[in-house]
């Protein structure tokens, strides 16, 4: 028996993990102890996009693909605005 919810579960988990990877840098930043978890957000987002492609419900598929794309490019967005507002 095939479970059709596995891609949805993987997609949601990668979305949550991708967002959670930002928490140490946004709230607990320390220049002495830098966290490298933000570098995993693009990889996690791509895994979520791949899992989202296999979701059967079309509207849910599109929603999860868009959310995982946002997780994938969040590193670039945050770095762009951080440099724009705070300089180098």
Foldseek 3Di string as FASTA:
>chain_A
DDDLCVLVVLLVVLLVQLVVLCVCVPPVDDPVDDDPSNVCQLVSLVSSLVSLVSHDDPVSSVVSNVSSVCSNCVVVVVVVVCCVVVND
